[in-house]
C-alpha atoms as a PDB file:
ATOM      1  CA  MET A   1     -16.758   6.402  -5.645  1.00  0.00           C
ATOM      2  CA  VAL A   2     -14.755   5.066  -8.568  1.00  0.00           C
ATOM      3  CA  PHE A   3     -13.759   1.684  -9.867  1.00  0.00           C
ATOM      4  CA  ILE A   4     -10.227   1.518 -11.210  1.00  0.00           C
ATOM      5  CA  TYR A   5      -9.678  -1.201 -13.775  1.00  0.00           C
ATOM      6  CA  THR A   6      -6.353  -2.692 -14.790  1.00  0.00           C
ATOM      7  CA  THR A   7      -5.133  -6.024 -16.077  1.00  0.00           C
ATOM      8  CA  CYS A   8      -2.140  -7.944 -14.769  1.00  0.00           C
ATOM      9  CA  LYS A   9       0.034 -10.666 -16.258  1.00  0.00           C
ATOM     10  CA  ASN A  10      -1.294 -13.262 -13.789  1.00  0.00           C
ATOM     11  CA  MET A  11      -3.163 -13.801 -10.524  1.00  0.00           C
ATOM     12  CA  ASP A  12       0.022 -13.500  -8.442  1.00  0.00           C
ATOM     13  CA  GLU A  13       0.703  -9.992  -9.745  1.00  0.00           C
ATOM     14  CA  ALA A  14      -2.951  -9.025  -9.241  1.00  0.00           C
ATOM     15  CA  GLU A  15      -2.869 -10.218  -5.638  1.00  0.00           C
ATOM     16  CA  LYS A  16       0.414  -8.403  -4.938  1.00  0.00           C
ATOM     17  CA  LEU A  17      -0.860  -5.126  -6.406  1.00  0.00           C
ATOM     18  CA  GLY A  18      -4.191  -5.484  -4.638  1.00  0.00           C
ATOM     19  CA  THR A  19      -2.554  -6.192  -1.298  1.00  0.00           C
ATOM     20  CA  LEU A  20      -0.225  -3.208  -1.705  1.00  0.00           C
ATOM     21  CA  ILE A  21      -3.095  -0.857  -2.579  1.00  0.00           C
ATOM     22  CA  VAL A  22      -5.381  -1.956   0.280  1.00  0.00           C
ATOM     23  CA  SER A  23      -2.542  -2.027   2.833  1.00  0.00           C
ATOM     24  CA  LYS A  24      -1.751   1.620   1.968  1.00  0.00           C
ATOM     25  CA  LYS A  25      -5.408   2.416   2.764  1.00  0.00           C
ATOM     26  CA  ILE A  26      -6.044   4.059  -0.602  1.00  0.00           C
ATOM     27  CA  ALA A  27      -8.789   1.603  -1.593  1.00  0.00           C
ATOM     28  CA  ALA A  28     -11.513  -0.173   0.316  1.00  0.00           C
ATOM     29  CA  CYS A  29     -11.492  -3.346  -1.733  1.00  0.00           C
ATOM     30  CA  VAL A  30      -9.703  -4.984  -4.641  1.00  0.00           C
ATOM     31  CA  ASP A  31     -11.296  -7.798  -6.637  1.00  0.00           C
ATOM     32  CA  PHE A  32      -9.348  -9.907  -9.113  1.00  0.00           C
ATOM     33  CA  TRP A  33     -10.088 -12.878 -11.320  1.00  0.00           C
ATOM     34  CA  PRO A  34      -8.632 -14.649 -14.375  1.00  0.00           C
ATOM     35  CA  ILE A  35      -9.540 -13.397 -17.844  1.00  0.00           C
ATOM     36  CA  SER A  36      -8.520 -13.983 -21.459  1.00  0.00           C
ATOM     37  CA  SER A  37      -7.414 -11.071 -23.638  1.00  0.00           C
ATOM     38  CA  CYS A  38      -6.540 -10.536 -27.305  1.00  0.00           C
ATOM     39  CA  TYR A  39      -4.614  -7.516 -28.566  1.00  0.00           C
ATOM     40  CA  ASP A  40      -1.960  -6.347 -30.998  1.00  0.00           C
ATOM     41  CA  TRP A  41       1.368  -5.654 -29.290  1.00  0.00           C
ATOM     42  CA  GLN A  42       4.185  -4.193 -31.381  1.00  0.00           C
ATOM     43  CA  GLY A  43       2.830  -5.724 -34.588  1.00  0.00           C
ATOM     44  CA  SER A  44       2.180  -9.163 -33.111  1.00  0.00           C
ATOM     45  CA  PHE A  45      -1.342 -10.423 -32.421  1.00  0.00           C
ATOM     46  CA  GLN A  46      -1.604 -11.902 -28.914  1.00  0.00           C
ATOM     47  CA  CYS A  47      -4.249 -13.970 -27.123  1.00  0.00           C
ATOM     48  CA  VAL A  48      -3.193 -14.509 -23.521  1.00  0.00           C
ATOM     49  CA  SER A  49      -4.412 -15.354 -20.030  1.00  0.00           C
ATOM     50  CA  GLN A  50      -4.308 -12.432 -17.625  1.00  0.00           C
ATOM     51  CA  ALA A  51      -5.917 -11.302 -14.381  1.00  0.00           C
ATOM     52  CA  MET A  52      -8.347  -8.423 -14.085  1.00  0.00           C
ATOM     53  CA  LEU A  53      -8.050  -6.105 -11.100  1.00  0.00           C
ATOM     54  CA  LEU A  54     -11.035  -3.981 -10.019  1.00  0.00           C
ATOM     55  CA  ILE A  55     -10.205  -1.444  -7.316  1.00  0.00           C
ATOM     56  CA  THR A  56     -12.930   0.277  -5.276  1.00  0.00           C
ATOM     57  CA  THR A  57     -11.939   3.714  -3.990  1.00  0.00           C
ATOM     58  CA  PHE A  58     -12.826   7.406  -3.957  1.00  0.00           C
ATOM     59  CA  GLU A  59     -12.052   9.895  -6.742  1.00  0.00           C
ATOM     60  CA  ALA A  60      -9.615  11.689  -4.427  1.00  0.00           C
ATOM     61  CA  LYS A  61      -7.430   8.533  -4.301  1.00  0.00           C
ATOM     62  CA  LEU A  62      -7.334   7.937  -8.069  1.00  0.00           C
ATOM     63  CA  GLU A  63      -3.893   9.499  -8.583  1.00  0.00           C
ATOM     64  CA  GLU A  64      -2.358   7.644  -5.632  1.00  0.00           C
ATOM     65  CA  VAL A  65      -3.666   4.325  -6.952  1.00  0.00           C
ATOM     66  CA  ASN A  66      -2.450   5.259 -10.441  1.00  0.00           C
ATOM     67  CA  GLN A  67       1.031   5.919  -9.061  1.00  0.00           C
ATOM     68  CA  ILE A  68       1.177   2.619  -7.126  1.00  0.00           C
ATOM     69  CA  ILE A  69       0.102   0.664 -10.214  1.00  0.00           C
ATOM     70  CA  SER A  70       2.543   2.511 -12.478  1.00  0.00           C
ATOM     71  CA  GLU A  71       5.462   1.951 -10.092  1.00  0.00           C
ATOM     72  CA  ASN A  72       4.745  -1.741  -9.402  1.00  0.00           C
ATOM     73  CA  HIS A  73       3.208  -3.134 -12.601  1.00  0.00           C
ATOM     74  CA  THR A  74       5.226  -5.461 -14.828  1.00  0.00           C
ATOM     75  CA  TYR A  75       3.706  -4.078 -18.050  1.00  0.00           C
ATOM     76  CA  SER A  76       5.507  -1.152 -19.637  1.00  0.00           C
ATOM     77  CA  ILE A  77       2.131   0.386 -20.572  1.00  0.00           C
ATOM     78  CA  PRO A  78      -0.590  -0.864 -18.200  1.00  0.00           C
ATOM     79  CA  LEU A  79      -4.176   0.233 -18.698  1.00  0.00           C
ATOM     80  CA  ILE A  80      -5.355   2.211 -15.673  1.00  0.00           C
ATOM     81  CA  ALA A  81      -8.976   3.242 -16.217  1.00  0.00           C
ATOM     82  CA  GLY A  82     -11.195   5.038 -13.699  1.00  0.00           C
ATOM     83  CA  VAL A  83     -14.948   4.548 -13.945  1.00  0.00           C
ATOM     84  CA  ASP A  84     -17.263   6.830 -11.979  1.00  0.00           C
ATOM     85  CA  VAL A  85     -19.903   5.048  -9.934  1.00  0.00           C
ATOM     86  CA  ARG A  86     -22.993   7.170  -9.620  1.00  0.00           C
ATOM     87  CA  ARG A  87     -24.852   5.213  -6.964  1.00  0.00           C
ATOM     88  CA  ILE A  88     -23.712   3.293  -3.928  1.00  0.00           C
ATOM     89  CA  ASN A  89     -25.598   2.010  -0.915  1.00  0.00           C
ATOM     90  CA  HIS A  90     -25.095   4.143   2.176  1.00  0.00           C
ATOM     91  CA  PRO A  91     -23.738   1.430   4.536  1.00  0.00           C
ATOM     92  CA  TYR A  92     -21.038   0.473   2.016  1.00  0.00           C
ATOM     93  CA  LYS A  93     -20.047   4.108   1.523  1.00  0.00           C
ATOM     94  CA  GLU A  94     -19.784   4.563   5.300  1.00  0.00           C
ATOM     95  CA  TRP A  95     -17.535   1.490   5.522  1.00  0.00           C
ATOM     96  CA  MET A  96     -15.346   2.861   2.718  1.00  0.00           C
ATOM     97  CA  MET A  97     -14.973   6.126   4.590  1.00  0.00           C
ATOM     98  CA  GLU A  98     -13.738   4.183   7.633  1.00  0.00           C
ATOM     99  CA  VAL A  99     -11.075   2.135   5.812  1.00  0.00           C
ATOM    100  CA  ILE A 100      -9.684   4.642   3.299  1.00  0.00           C
ATOM    101  CA  GLU A 101      -7.381   7.308   4.722  1.00  0.00           C
END
């Protein structure tokens, strides 16, 4: 199992991306919530409100999720980070195997 992390410009974009990803059956679950971020963008320091998206899927679906995010994200350079999850409870893993194609 992997978590895929990305940030979105707002909760609406996070919900749209999450819905698209789950409806394509390439993730079992997508969580999103508001966050605050600070970064340097093209020489300008920014502190902004964003939404974090945490996608629960299998390693085999990482590239498909990456492609969906890249094609539908409003940012020109979105962060798409995969984090390996080493342990997962068996009933949850079985459910994931049922909902991800």
